[in-house]
Amino acid sequence: MADEVVLLDLKVSPFAARVRIALEEKGITYESKVEDLSNKSSTLLKMNPIHKQIPVLIHNGRPICESMIIVQYIDEVWSHKSSLLPSDPYRRAHARFWADYIDKKIYPIGSNLWATEGEVKESSKKDLIECFKVLEEELGDKPYFGDESFGYIDLALIPFYSLFYTFETLGDLSMVAEFPKLVGWGERCLQKESVSRCLSDQKEVYEVVLQIMKQEPGIQ
């Protein structure tokens, strides 16, 4: 009996994009069910009753939640395909550290560029710049964070490439001028079909952010 794989999805979500890329990298056939987060489906509420958020991977009727946990699950279950995490325990721990760093820094800090004004916004901009500097230093002269091949850290970060235009526009900065290595890395990642098929257009994401700013009280 074939596996039944369903993804509770949202096109512009960087977190859902991680799961789509992992599934594409493994060559897994799956069904994408796009959620309306303003009117959440009964399936989403049942499958993720704690956070009630996407993405949720439903594998043979059983749900797995949280994007990087889902990615690790995919890597372990479909282990006969090329591994996303390194086989060496130290390098695997290293990859998990940087994925955790990305989760705790990029989106929480970056979202303050459109959720705040004044000193808080400027402080967030400085923090975001510092975060990207740290990541660019970690990348160094390697083609990918996983050295010569696309891997777990790359997968964790690349969906946020779709937010680069938003960061530039709302944060009044130039990604290519400030972080040329990161921009070059993003362009290399986009040459992979698994990535290009799963990422949203940067200006499309910006338009979604503008809509969020109009809907949220207190955000101008």
N, C-alpha and C. Protein backbone atom coordinates (compact mmCIF):
# COMPACT_ATOMS: atom_id res chain seq x y z
N MET A 1 0.85 -1.20 0.00
CA MET A 1 0.00 0.00 0.00
C MET A 1 0.88 1.24 0.00
N ALA A 2 0.59 2.18 -0.89
CA ALA A 2 1.39 3.39 -1.01
C ALA A 2 1.15 4.31 0.18
N ASP A 3 2.20 5.08 0.52
CA ASP A 3 2.06 6.08 1.58
C ASP A 3 1.07 7.16 1.15
N GLU A 4 0.25 7.62 2.10
CA GLU A 4 -0.60 8.78 1.86
C GLU A 4 0.04 9.96 2.56
N VAL A 5 0.45 10.94 1.80
CA VAL A 5 1.16 12.11 2.33
C VAL A 5 0.38 13.36 1.97
N VAL A 6 -0.07 14.09 2.99
CA VAL A 6 -0.83 15.32 2.80
C VAL A 6 -0.13 16.44 3.55
N LEU A 7 -0.02 17.60 2.92
CA LEU A 7 0.57 18.76 3.57
C LEU A 7 -0.48 19.84 3.71
N LEU A 8 -0.76 20.24 4.95
CA LEU A 8 -1.60 21.42 5.19
C LEU A 8 -0.68 22.62 4.99
N ASP A 9 -0.98 23.40 3.97
CA ASP A 9 0.00 24.26 3.32
C ASP A 9 -0.47 25.72 3.28
N LEU A 10 0.45 26.60 2.97
CA LEU A 10 0.14 28.00 2.67
C LEU A 10 1.27 28.50 1.78
N LYS A 11 0.94 28.96 0.59
CA LYS A 11 1.93 29.23 -0.44
C LYS A 11 3.03 30.18 0.02
N VAL A 12 2.66 31.28 0.66
CA VAL A 12 3.67 32.31 0.98
C VAL A 12 4.38 32.05 2.30
N SER A 13 4.03 31.00 3.01
CA SER A 13 4.67 30.72 4.30
C SER A 13 6.07 30.16 4.10
N PRO A 14 7.10 30.80 4.67
CA PRO A 14 8.45 30.24 4.57
C PRO A 14 8.57 28.90 5.29
N PHE A 15 7.75 28.70 6.30
CA PHE A 15 7.81 27.46 7.07
C PHE A 15 7.21 26.30 6.27
N ALA A 16 6.11 26.55 5.59
CA ALA A 16 5.55 25.53 4.72
C ALA A 16 6.48 25.25 3.55
N ALA A 17 7.16 26.29 3.06
CA ALA A 17 8.10 26.10 1.94
C ALA A 17 9.21 25.13 2.31
N ARG A 18 9.66 25.16 3.54
CA ARG A 18 10.69 24.22 3.99
C ARG A 18 10.23 22.78 3.76
N VAL A 19 8.99 22.51 4.14
CA VAL A 19 8.48 21.14 4.01
C VAL A 19 8.32 20.76 2.55
N ARG A 20 7.82 21.69 1.74
CA ARG A 20 7.67 21.41 0.31
C ARG A 20 9.03 21.08 -0.32
N ILE A 21 10.05 21.86 0.04
CA ILE A 21 11.39 21.61 -0.51
C ILE A 21 11.90 20.24 -0.09
N ALA A 22 11.72 19.90 1.19
CA ALA A 22 12.17 18.59 1.68
C ALA A 22 11.47 17.46 0.93
N LEU A 23 10.17 17.59 0.72
CA LEU A 23 9.42 16.57 -0.01
C LEU A 23 9.90 16.47 -1.46
N GLU A 24 10.17 17.61 -2.07
CA GLU A 24 10.68 17.63 -3.45
C GLU A 24 12.07 17.00 -3.52
N GLU A 25 12.92 17.34 -2.54
CA GLU A 25 14.27 16.78 -2.51
C GLU A 25 14.25 15.25 -2.43
N LYS A 26 13.27 14.73 -1.72
CA LYS A 26 13.15 13.28 -1.54
C LYS A 26 12.35 12.61 -2.65
N GLY A 27 11.74 13.45 -3.51
CA GLY A 27 10.94 12.88 -4.59
C GLY A 27 9.65 12.24 -4.12
N ILE A 28 9.06 12.78 -3.05
CA ILE A 28 7.87 12.21 -2.46
C ILE A 28 6.61 12.82 -3.09
N THR A 29 5.71 11.97 -3.50
CA THR A 29 4.42 12.43 -4.02
C THR A 29 3.52 12.80 -2.84
N TYR A 30 2.95 14.00 -2.88
CA TYR A 30 2.10 14.45 -1.77
C TYR A 30 0.98 15.33 -2.28
N GLU A 31 -0.03 15.48 -1.45
CA GLU A 31 -1.15 16.36 -1.77
C GLU A 31 -1.04 17.61 -0.91
N SER A 32 -1.07 18.77 -1.55
CA SER A 32 -1.03 20.05 -0.84
C SER A 32 -2.45 20.56 -0.64
N LYS A 33 -2.82 20.77 0.61
CA LYS A 33 -4.12 21.36 0.93
C LYS A 33 -3.87 22.74 1.52
N VAL A 34 -4.18 23.77 0.74
CA VAL A 34 -3.90 25.15 1.16
C VAL A 34 -4.94 25.59 2.18
N GLU A 35 -4.45 26.14 3.28
CA GLU A 35 -5.30 26.60 4.37
C GLU A 35 -5.59 28.10 4.27
N ASP A 36 -6.76 28.47 4.74
CA ASP A 36 -7.12 29.87 4.94
C ASP A 36 -7.02 30.12 6.44
N LEU A 37 -5.99 30.83 6.85
CA LEU A 37 -5.76 30.98 8.29
C LEU A 37 -6.76 31.90 8.97
N SER A 38 -7.56 32.62 8.18
CA SER A 38 -8.63 33.41 8.78
C SER A 38 -9.90 32.58 8.97
N ASN A 39 -9.89 31.39 8.39
CA ASN A 39 -11.02 30.46 8.52
C ASN A 39 -10.45 29.04 8.49
N LYS A 40 -9.83 28.65 9.58
CA LYS A 40 -9.08 27.40 9.63
C LYS A 40 -9.99 26.18 9.49
N SER A 41 -9.50 25.23 8.72
CA SER A 41 -10.30 24.03 8.46
C SER A 41 -10.40 23.15 9.70
N SER A 42 -11.41 22.31 9.71
CA SER A 42 -11.58 21.36 10.82
C SER A 42 -10.41 20.37 10.85
N THR A 43 -9.85 20.10 9.65
CA THR A 43 -8.70 19.19 9.59
C THR A 43 -7.50 19.79 10.30
N LEU A 44 -7.23 21.07 10.04
CA LEU A 44 -6.10 21.73 10.70
C LEU A 44 -6.30 21.76 12.21
N LEU A 45 -7.49 22.12 12.65
CA LEU A 45 -7.76 22.21 14.09
C LEU A 45 -7.65 20.84 14.77
N LYS A 46 -7.98 19.79 14.02
CA LYS A 46 -7.88 18.44 14.56
C LYS A 46 -6.44 17.95 14.57
N MET A 47 -5.71 18.24 13.49
CA MET A 47 -4.36 17.70 13.34
C MET A 47 -3.30 18.51 14.09
N ASN A 48 -3.57 19.78 14.37
CA ASN A 48 -2.64 20.60 15.15
C ASN A 48 -3.43 21.38 16.20
N PRO A 49 -4.00 20.67 17.19
CA PRO A 49 -4.86 21.33 18.17
C PRO A 49 -4.12 22.27 19.12
N ILE A 50 -2.81 22.11 19.25
CA ILE A 50 -2.04 22.94 20.18
C ILE A 50 -1.80 24.33 19.60
N HIS A 51 -1.16 24.39 18.41
CA HIS A 51 -0.81 25.68 17.83
C HIS A 51 -1.79 26.14 16.75
N LYS A 52 -2.51 25.17 16.16
CA LYS A 52 -3.51 25.49 15.13
C LYS A 52 -2.89 26.26 13.96
N GLN A 53 -1.66 25.89 13.58
CA GLN A 53 -0.94 26.58 12.53
C GLN A 53 -0.40 25.58 11.51
N ILE A 54 -0.10 26.12 10.33
CA ILE A 54 0.57 25.31 9.30
C ILE A 54 2.07 25.55 9.44
N PRO A 55 2.89 24.66 8.89
CA PRO A 55 2.54 23.45 8.15
C PRO A 55 2.26 22.27 9.08
N VAL A 56 1.44 21.36 8.55
CA VAL A 56 1.24 20.07 9.20
C VAL A 56 1.39 19.01 8.11
N LEU A 57 2.25 18.03 8.36
CA LEU A 57 2.37 16.90 7.45
C LEU A 57 1.54 15.76 8.02
N ILE A 58 0.66 15.21 7.19
CA ILE A 58 -0.16 14.09 7.61
C ILE A 58 0.30 12.87 6.81
N HIS A 59 0.95 11.95 7.51
CA HIS A 59 1.51 10.76 6.87
C HIS A 59 0.71 9.54 7.30
N ASN A 60 -0.02 8.97 6.36
CA ASN A 60 -0.89 7.82 6.65
C ASN A 60 -1.81 8.11 7.83
N GLY A 61 -2.37 9.32 7.83
CA GLY A 61 -3.35 9.71 8.83
C GLY A 61 -2.79 10.26 10.12
N ARG A 62 -1.46 10.25 10.28
CA ARG A 62 -0.85 10.73 11.52
C ARG A 62 -0.15 12.07 11.29
N PRO A 63 -0.44 13.09 12.13
CA PRO A 63 0.11 14.43 11.91
C PRO A 63 1.49 14.63 12.53
N ILE A 64 2.32 15.42 11.84
CA ILE A 64 3.60 15.88 12.37
C ILE A 64 3.59 17.39 12.19
N CYS A 65 3.92 18.12 13.26
CA CYS A 65 3.84 19.58 13.25
C CYS A 65 5.23 20.21 13.46
N GLU A 66 5.32 21.50 13.14
CA GLU A 66 6.53 22.32 13.24
C GLU A 66 7.50 21.99 12.10
N SER A 67 7.84 23.01 11.32
CA SER A 67 8.50 22.80 10.04
C SER A 67 9.80 21.99 10.11
N MET A 68 10.72 22.33 11.01
CA MET A 68 12.00 21.62 11.02
C MET A 68 11.87 20.23 11.65
N ILE A 69 10.89 20.05 12.52
CA ILE A 69 10.60 18.70 13.02
C ILE A 69 10.07 17.84 11.88
N ILE A 70 9.22 18.44 11.05
CA ILE A 70 8.70 17.72 9.88
C ILE A 70 9.84 17.36 8.93
N VAL A 71 10.75 18.30 8.70
CA VAL A 71 11.88 18.04 7.80
C VAL A 71 12.72 16.87 8.31
N GLN A 72 12.99 16.85 9.61
CA GLN A 72 13.75 15.73 10.18
C GLN A 72 12.99 14.42 10.03
N TYR A 73 11.69 14.47 10.23
CA TYR A 73 10.86 13.27 10.07
C TYR A 73 10.95 12.75 8.63
N ILE A 74 10.82 13.65 7.68
CA ILE A 74 10.92 13.26 6.26
C ILE A 74 12.28 12.62 5.98
N ASP A 75 13.34 13.21 6.54
CA ASP A 75 14.69 12.71 6.30
C ASP A 75 14.87 11.31 6.87
N GLU A 76 14.25 11.05 8.03
CA GLU A 76 14.39 9.75 8.68
C GLU A 76 13.51 8.68 8.05
N VAL A 77 12.29 9.04 7.69
CA VAL A 77 11.35 8.05 7.14
C VAL A 77 11.75 7.63 5.73
N TRP A 78 12.12 8.61 4.91
CA TRP A 78 12.52 8.31 3.54
C TRP A 78 14.05 8.35 3.43
N SER A 79 14.68 7.55 4.26
CA SER A 79 16.14 7.56 4.40
C SER A 79 16.86 6.94 3.21
N HIS A 80 16.12 6.24 2.34
CA HIS A 80 16.76 5.62 1.18
C HIS A 80 17.11 6.67 0.12
N LYS A 81 16.53 7.86 0.22
CA LYS A 81 16.89 8.95 -0.68
C LYS A 81 18.01 9.77 -0.04
N SER A 82 18.64 10.65 -0.79
CA SER A 82 19.76 11.45 -0.29
C SER A 82 19.40 12.17 1.00
N SER A 83 20.30 12.09 1.98
CA SER A 83 20.03 12.63 3.31
C SER A 83 20.14 14.15 3.32
N LEU A 84 19.25 14.78 4.09
CA LEU A 84 19.29 16.23 4.26
C LEU A 84 20.22 16.61 5.41
N LEU A 85 20.25 15.79 6.44
CA LEU A 85 21.15 16.02 7.57
C LEU A 85 22.45 15.24 7.36
N PRO A 86 23.58 15.79 7.82
CA PRO A 86 24.85 15.06 7.70
C PRO A 86 24.81 13.76 8.49
N SER A 87 25.60 12.78 8.07
CA SER A 87 25.66 11.50 8.79
C SER A 87 26.53 11.59 10.04
N ASP A 88 27.54 12.46 10.01
CA ASP A 88 28.44 12.62 11.15
C ASP A 88 27.69 13.30 12.31
N PRO A 89 27.73 12.73 13.53
CA PRO A 89 26.98 13.29 14.66
C PRO A 89 27.33 14.75 14.97
N TYR A 90 28.63 15.10 14.88
CA TYR A 90 29.01 16.48 15.18
C TYR A 90 28.42 17.44 14.14
N ARG A 91 28.58 17.09 12.87
CA ARG A 91 28.06 17.96 11.80
C ARG A 91 26.54 18.02 11.84
N ARG A 92 25.90 16.94 12.26
CA ARG A 92 24.44 16.93 12.39
C ARG A 92 24.02 17.90 13.51
N ALA A 93 24.72 17.87 14.64
CA ALA A 93 24.43 18.79 15.74
C ALA A 93 24.68 20.23 15.30
N HIS A 94 25.76 20.44 14.53
CA HIS A 94 26.10 21.76 14.01
C HIS A 94 24.97 22.29 13.12
N ALA A 95 24.44 21.44 12.25
CA ALA A 95 23.36 21.84 11.35
C ALA A 95 22.10 22.20 12.14
N ARG A 96 21.81 21.42 13.17
CA ARG A 96 20.62 21.70 13.99
C ARG A 96 20.78 23.00 14.76
N PHE A 97 22.00 23.29 15.19
CA PHE A 97 22.25 24.56 15.89
C PHE A 97 21.90 25.74 15.00
N TRP A 98 22.38 25.71 13.75
CA TRP A 98 22.15 26.84 12.86
C TRP A 98 20.70 26.94 12.43
N ALA A 99 20.03 25.83 12.27
CA ALA A 99 18.60 25.87 11.96
C ALA A 99 17.83 26.52 13.12
N ASP A 100 18.22 26.19 14.34
CA ASP A 100 17.60 26.78 15.52
C ASP A 100 17.89 28.28 15.59
N TYR A 101 19.11 28.67 15.25
CA TYR A 101 19.48 30.09 15.22
C TYR A 101 18.59 30.85 14.23
N ILE A 102 18.41 30.28 13.05
CA ILE A 102 17.59 30.90 12.01
C ILE A 102 16.16 31.07 12.50
N ASP A 103 15.60 30.04 13.14
CA ASP A 103 14.23 30.10 13.63
C ASP A 103 14.05 31.16 14.71
N LYS A 104 15.05 31.33 15.55
CA LYS A 104 14.92 32.27 16.66
C LYS A 104 15.25 33.71 16.28
N LYS A 105 15.85 33.90 15.10
CA LYS A 105 16.30 35.24 14.73
C LYS A 105 15.56 35.85 13.54
N ILE A 106 15.62 35.20 12.38
CA ILE A 106 15.21 35.84 11.14
C ILE A 106 13.78 36.36 11.16
N TYR A 107 12.82 35.46 11.33
CA TYR A 107 11.42 35.89 11.24
C TYR A 107 11.00 36.75 12.44
N PRO A 108 11.33 36.38 13.68
CA PRO A 108 10.92 37.22 14.81
C PRO A 108 11.47 38.66 14.71
N ILE A 109 12.74 38.78 14.32
CA ILE A 109 13.32 40.12 14.19
C ILE A 109 12.80 40.82 12.94
N GLY A 110 12.79 40.09 11.82
CA GLY A 110 12.38 40.70 10.56
C GLY A 110 10.96 41.20 10.58
N SER A 111 10.06 40.48 11.25
CA SER A 111 8.65 40.90 11.27
C SER A 111 8.47 42.22 12.01
N ASN A 112 9.41 42.58 12.87
CA ASN A 112 9.33 43.88 13.55
C ASN A 112 9.54 45.05 12.60
N LEU A 113 10.11 44.77 11.43
CA LEU A 113 10.29 45.85 10.45
C LEU A 113 8.95 46.35 9.92
N TRP A 114 7.94 45.47 9.93
CA TRP A 114 6.62 45.93 9.48
C TRP A 114 5.60 46.00 10.61
N ALA A 115 5.98 45.57 11.80
CA ALA A 115 5.03 45.59 12.91
C ALA A 115 5.30 46.74 13.88
N THR A 116 6.38 47.47 13.70
CA THR A 116 6.75 48.51 14.64
C THR A 116 7.23 49.75 13.89
N GLU A 117 7.39 50.83 14.64
CA GLU A 117 7.92 52.07 14.09
C GLU A 117 8.95 52.64 15.07
N GLY A 118 9.64 53.71 14.63
CA GLY A 118 10.53 54.45 15.51
C GLY A 118 11.73 53.66 15.98
N GLU A 119 12.05 53.81 17.27
CA GLU A 119 13.26 53.22 17.82
C GLU A 119 13.23 51.69 17.79
N VAL A 120 12.06 51.12 18.02
CA VAL A 120 11.94 49.66 18.01
C VAL A 120 12.25 49.12 16.62
N LYS A 121 11.74 49.80 15.59
CA LYS A 121 11.99 49.38 14.21
C LYS A 121 13.47 49.50 13.89
N GLU A 122 14.09 50.59 14.28
CA GLU A 122 15.52 50.79 14.01
C GLU A 122 16.36 49.75 14.74
N SER A 123 15.97 49.44 15.96
CA SER A 123 16.69 48.41 16.73
C SER A 123 16.56 47.05 16.06
N SER A 124 15.37 46.76 15.55
CA SER A 124 15.15 45.49 14.86
C SER A 124 15.97 45.42 13.58
N LYS A 125 16.06 46.55 12.87
CA LYS A 125 16.87 46.60 11.66
C LYS A 125 18.33 46.28 11.97
N LYS A 126 18.87 46.88 13.03
CA LYS A 126 20.25 46.62 13.43
C LYS A 126 20.44 45.15 13.81
N ASP A 127 19.48 44.60 14.53
CA ASP A 127 19.56 43.19 14.94
C ASP A 127 19.52 42.27 13.72
N LEU A 128 18.67 42.61 12.74
CA LEU A 128 18.56 41.79 11.54
C LEU A 128 19.85 41.84 10.73
N ILE A 129 20.43 43.03 10.62
CA ILE A 129 21.71 43.17 9.91
C ILE A 129 22.79 42.35 10.59
N GLU A 130 22.84 42.40 11.91
CA GLU A 130 23.83 41.62 12.66
C GLU A 130 23.62 40.13 12.44
N CYS A 131 22.35 39.71 12.42
CA CYS A 131 22.02 38.30 12.19
C CYS A 131 22.51 37.84 10.82
N PHE A 132 22.26 38.64 9.80
CA PHE A 132 22.71 38.28 8.45
C PHE A 132 24.23 38.29 8.34
N LYS A 133 24.89 39.17 9.07
CA LYS A 133 26.35 39.17 9.09
C LYS A 133 26.89 37.87 9.67
N VAL A 134 26.26 37.42 10.75
CA VAL A 134 26.67 36.16 11.39
C VAL A 134 26.49 35.00 10.42
N LEU A 135 25.35 34.99 9.72
CA LEU A 135 25.09 33.90 8.76
C LEU A 135 26.05 33.96 7.58
N GLU A 136 26.37 35.17 7.12
CA GLU A 136 27.29 35.29 6.01
C GLU A 136 28.69 34.83 6.41
N GLU A 137 29.06 35.10 7.65
CA GLU A 137 30.36 34.62 8.15
C GLU A 137 30.38 33.10 8.23
N GLU A 138 29.27 32.51 8.65
CA GLU A 138 29.18 31.04 8.72
C GLU A 138 29.24 30.43 7.32
N LEU A 139 28.62 31.08 6.36
CA LEU A 139 28.65 30.60 4.97
C LEU A 139 30.07 30.67 4.42
N GLY A 140 30.75 31.79 4.68
CA GLY A 140 32.11 31.96 4.19
C GLY A 140 32.17 31.89 2.68
N ASP A 141 33.14 31.16 2.17
CA ASP A 141 33.30 31.02 0.72
C ASP A 141 32.72 29.71 0.19
N LYS A 142 31.98 29.00 1.04
CA LYS A 142 31.38 27.73 0.61
C LYS A 142 30.20 28.01 -0.33
N PRO A 143 29.93 27.13 -1.27
CA PRO A 143 28.76 27.34 -2.14
C PRO A 143 27.45 27.19 -1.38
N TYR A 144 27.43 26.31 -0.37
CA TYR A 144 26.25 26.10 0.46
C TYR A 144 26.67 26.01 1.92
N PHE A 145 25.72 26.20 2.81
CA PHE A 145 26.03 26.03 4.24
C PHE A 145 26.44 24.59 4.52
N GLY A 146 25.89 23.66 3.71
CA GLY A 146 26.29 22.26 3.84
C GLY A 146 27.51 21.94 3.00
N ASP A 147 28.43 22.88 2.87
CA ASP A 147 29.67 22.75 2.09
C ASP A 147 29.37 22.68 0.59
N GLU A 148 29.61 21.54 -0.04
CA GLU A 148 29.49 21.46 -1.49
C GLU A 148 28.09 21.12 -1.97
N SER A 149 27.21 20.73 -1.07
CA SER A 149 25.86 20.34 -1.48
C SER A 149 24.80 20.99 -0.60
N PHE A 150 23.64 21.17 -1.17
CA PHE A 150 22.48 21.74 -0.50
C PHE A 150 22.06 20.81 0.63
N GLY A 151 21.88 21.36 1.82
CA GLY A 151 21.56 20.52 2.97
C GLY A 151 20.59 21.17 3.95
N TYR A 152 20.62 20.68 5.16
CA TYR A 152 19.65 21.03 6.20
C TYR A 152 19.64 22.52 6.53
N ILE A 153 20.80 23.13 6.70
CA ILE A 153 20.85 24.56 7.02
C ILE A 153 20.34 25.38 5.85
N ASP A 154 20.74 25.02 4.65
CA ASP A 154 20.27 25.71 3.46
C ASP A 154 18.76 25.65 3.37
N LEU A 155 18.21 24.47 3.62
CA LEU A 155 16.77 24.28 3.56
C LEU A 155 16.06 25.14 4.61
N ALA A 156 16.67 25.26 5.79
CA ALA A 156 16.07 26.07 6.86
C ALA A 156 16.02 27.55 6.50
N LEU A 157 17.04 28.03 5.80
CA LEU A 157 17.17 29.46 5.54
C LEU A 157 16.57 29.91 4.22
N ILE A 158 16.65 29.10 3.16
CA ILE A 158 16.32 29.58 1.82
C ILE A 158 14.88 30.11 1.68
N PRO A 159 13.88 29.61 2.40
CA PRO A 159 12.55 30.21 2.23
C PRO A 159 12.50 31.69 2.60
N PHE A 160 13.41 32.14 3.47
CA PHE A 160 13.42 33.54 3.86
C PHE A 160 14.03 34.43 2.78
N TYR A 161 14.63 33.80 1.77
CA TYR A 161 15.09 34.55 0.60
C TYR A 161 13.91 35.29 -0.04
N SER A 162 12.72 34.71 0.05
CA SER A 162 11.53 35.34 -0.51
C SER A 162 11.15 36.62 0.23
N LEU A 163 11.71 36.82 1.42
CA LEU A 163 11.45 38.02 2.21
C LEU A 163 12.52 39.10 2.02
N PHE A 164 13.55 38.81 1.24
CA PHE A 164 14.64 39.78 1.09
C PHE A 164 14.14 41.12 0.57
N TYR A 165 13.25 41.12 -0.42
CA TYR A 165 12.73 42.38 -0.97
C TYR A 165 11.93 43.14 0.10
N THR A 166 11.18 42.40 0.91
CA THR A 166 10.41 43.02 1.99
C THR A 166 11.35 43.65 3.01
N PHE A 167 12.41 42.93 3.38
CA PHE A 167 13.39 43.48 4.32
C PHE A 167 14.03 44.74 3.75
N GLU A 168 14.36 44.70 2.47
CA GLU A 168 14.99 45.86 1.82
C GLU A 168 14.05 47.06 1.82
N THR A 169 12.82 46.83 1.42
CA THR A 169 11.87 47.94 1.24
C THR A 169 11.43 48.54 2.57
N LEU A 170 11.08 47.69 3.51
CA LEU A 170 10.58 48.19 4.79
C LEU A 170 11.71 48.52 5.76
N GLY A 171 12.88 47.96 5.52
CA GLY A 171 14.02 48.23 6.40
C GLY A 171 15.00 49.22 5.83
N ASP A 172 14.75 49.69 4.60
CA ASP A 172 15.62 50.66 3.94
C ASP A 172 17.07 50.18 3.94
N LEU A 173 17.28 49.00 3.37
CA LEU A 173 18.63 48.47 3.25
C LEU A 173 18.76 47.74 1.92
N SER A 174 20.00 47.46 1.52
CA SER A 174 20.26 46.74 0.27
C SER A 174 20.91 45.41 0.60
N MET A 175 20.21 44.32 0.33
CA MET A 175 20.75 43.01 0.64
C MET A 175 22.00 42.71 -0.19
N VAL A 176 21.97 43.06 -1.47
CA VAL A 176 23.12 42.74 -2.33
C VAL A 176 24.34 43.55 -1.96
N ALA A 177 24.13 44.79 -1.48
CA ALA A 177 25.26 45.62 -1.07
C ALA A 177 25.80 45.19 0.29
N GLU A 178 24.89 44.86 1.21
CA GLU A 178 25.29 44.51 2.58
C GLU A 178 25.75 43.05 2.69
N PHE A 179 25.07 42.16 1.94
CA PHE A 179 25.31 40.73 2.10
C PHE A 179 25.43 40.03 0.74
N PRO A 180 26.45 40.36 -0.03
CA PRO A 180 26.56 39.79 -1.39
C PRO A 180 26.71 38.27 -1.39
N LYS A 181 27.37 37.72 -0.36
CA LYS A 181 27.54 36.26 -0.32
C LYS A 181 26.22 35.55 -0.10
N LEU A 182 25.37 36.12 0.76
CA LEU A 182 24.06 35.52 1.01
C LEU A 182 23.17 35.59 -0.23
N VAL A 183 23.23 36.72 -0.92
CA VAL A 183 22.43 36.87 -2.13
C VAL A 183 22.91 35.87 -3.19
N GLY A 184 24.23 35.73 -3.34
CA GLY A 184 24.77 34.77 -4.29
C GLY A 184 24.39 33.34 -3.93
N TRP A 185 24.43 33.05 -2.63
CA TRP A 185 24.00 31.72 -2.16
C TRP A 185 22.54 31.47 -2.51
N GLY A 186 21.68 32.48 -2.30
CA GLY A 186 20.27 32.34 -2.61
C GLY A 186 20.04 32.07 -4.08
N GLU A 187 20.80 32.76 -4.93
CA GLU A 187 20.66 32.55 -6.38
C GLU A 187 21.10 31.14 -6.78
N ARG A 188 22.15 30.62 -6.10
CA ARG A 188 22.58 29.23 -6.37
C ARG A 188 21.48 28.25 -5.96
N CYS A 189 20.90 28.49 -4.80
CA CYS A 189 19.83 27.59 -4.33
C CYS A 189 18.66 27.58 -5.31
N LEU A 190 18.34 28.73 -5.88
CA LEU A 190 17.21 28.83 -6.80
C LEU A 190 17.45 28.09 -8.11
N GLN A 191 18.68 27.73 -8.37
CA GLN A 191 18.97 26.93 -9.57
C GLN A 191 18.50 25.49 -9.40
N LYS A 192 18.24 25.11 -8.14
CA LYS A 192 17.71 23.78 -7.87
C LYS A 192 16.19 23.81 -8.11
N GLU A 193 15.70 22.84 -8.87
CA GLU A 193 14.27 22.81 -9.17
C GLU A 193 13.42 22.64 -7.91
N SER A 194 13.93 21.88 -6.96
CA SER A 194 13.19 21.67 -5.71
C SER A 194 12.96 22.97 -4.97
N VAL A 195 13.90 23.90 -5.11
CA VAL A 195 13.78 25.20 -4.44
C VAL A 195 12.93 26.16 -5.28
N SER A 196 13.25 26.30 -6.55
CA SER A 196 12.55 27.27 -7.40
C SER A 196 11.05 26.97 -7.49
N ARG A 197 10.68 25.70 -7.43
CA ARG A 197 9.27 25.33 -7.50
C ARG A 197 8.52 25.65 -6.22
N CYS A 198 9.24 25.80 -5.11
CA CYS A 198 8.60 25.93 -3.80
C CYS A 198 8.61 27.33 -3.22
N LEU A 199 9.48 28.20 -3.73
CA LEU A 199 9.57 29.54 -3.17
C LEU A 199 8.59 30.49 -3.84
N SER A 200 8.07 31.42 -3.05
CA SER A 200 7.19 32.45 -3.58
C SER A 200 8.01 33.61 -4.12
N ASP A 201 7.46 34.32 -5.08
CA ASP A 201 8.10 35.50 -5.65
C ASP A 201 8.26 36.57 -4.56
N GLN A 202 9.41 37.24 -4.55
CA GLN A 202 9.70 38.21 -3.49
C GLN A 202 8.68 39.35 -3.45
N LYS A 203 8.27 39.85 -4.60
CA LYS A 203 7.32 40.97 -4.63
C LYS A 203 5.91 40.50 -4.25
N GLU A 204 5.60 39.26 -4.56
CA GLU A 204 4.31 38.70 -4.14
C GLU A 204 4.25 38.63 -2.62
N VAL A 205 5.34 38.20 -2.00
CA VAL A 205 5.40 38.14 -0.54
C VAL A 205 5.27 39.54 0.05
N TYR A 206 5.94 40.51 -0.57
CA TYR A 206 5.86 41.91 -0.10
C TYR A 206 4.41 42.40 -0.12
N GLU A 207 3.66 42.08 -1.16
CA GLU A 207 2.27 42.50 -1.26
C GLU A 207 1.44 41.87 -0.14
N VAL A 208 1.74 40.62 0.20
CA VAL A 208 1.03 39.95 1.29
C VAL A 208 1.34 40.65 2.61
N VAL A 209 2.60 41.02 2.81
CA VAL A 209 2.99 41.72 4.03
C VAL A 209 2.26 43.07 4.13
N LEU A 210 2.16 43.78 3.02
CA LEU A 210 1.43 45.06 3.01
C LEU A 210 -0.02 44.86 3.42
N GLN A 211 -0.63 43.77 2.96
CA GLN A 211 -2.01 43.48 3.34
C GLN A 211 -2.12 43.21 4.83
N ILE A 212 -1.13 42.49 5.38
CA ILE A 212 -1.11 42.22 6.81
C ILE A 212 -1.00 43.52 7.59
N MET A 213 -0.16 44.43 7.10
CA MET A 213 0.03 45.72 7.78
C MET A 213 -1.27 46.52 7.81
N LYS A 214 -2.06 46.42 6.75
CA LYS A 214 -3.34 47.16 6.69
C LYS A 214 -4.38 46.55 7.62
N GLN A 215 -4.31 45.23 7.80
CA GLN A 215 -5.32 44.54 8.59
C GLN A 215 -5.06 44.60 10.08
N GLU A 216 -3.77 44.64 10.44
CA GLU A 216 -3.41 44.59 11.85
C GLU A 216 -3.53 45.98 12.48
N PRO A 217 -4.27 46.13 13.57
CA PRO A 217 -4.38 47.43 14.24
C PRO A 217 -3.04 47.87 14.80
N GLY A 218 -2.74 49.14 14.62
CA GLY A 218 -1.49 49.68 15.16
C GLY A 218 -0.33 49.60 14.23
N ILE A 219 -0.50 48.91 13.07
CA ILE A 219 0.58 48.81 12.09
C ILE A 219 0.28 49.74 10.94
N GLN A 220 1.18 50.61 10.64
CA GLN A 220 0.97 51.61 9.58
C GLN A 220 1.75 51.22 8.32
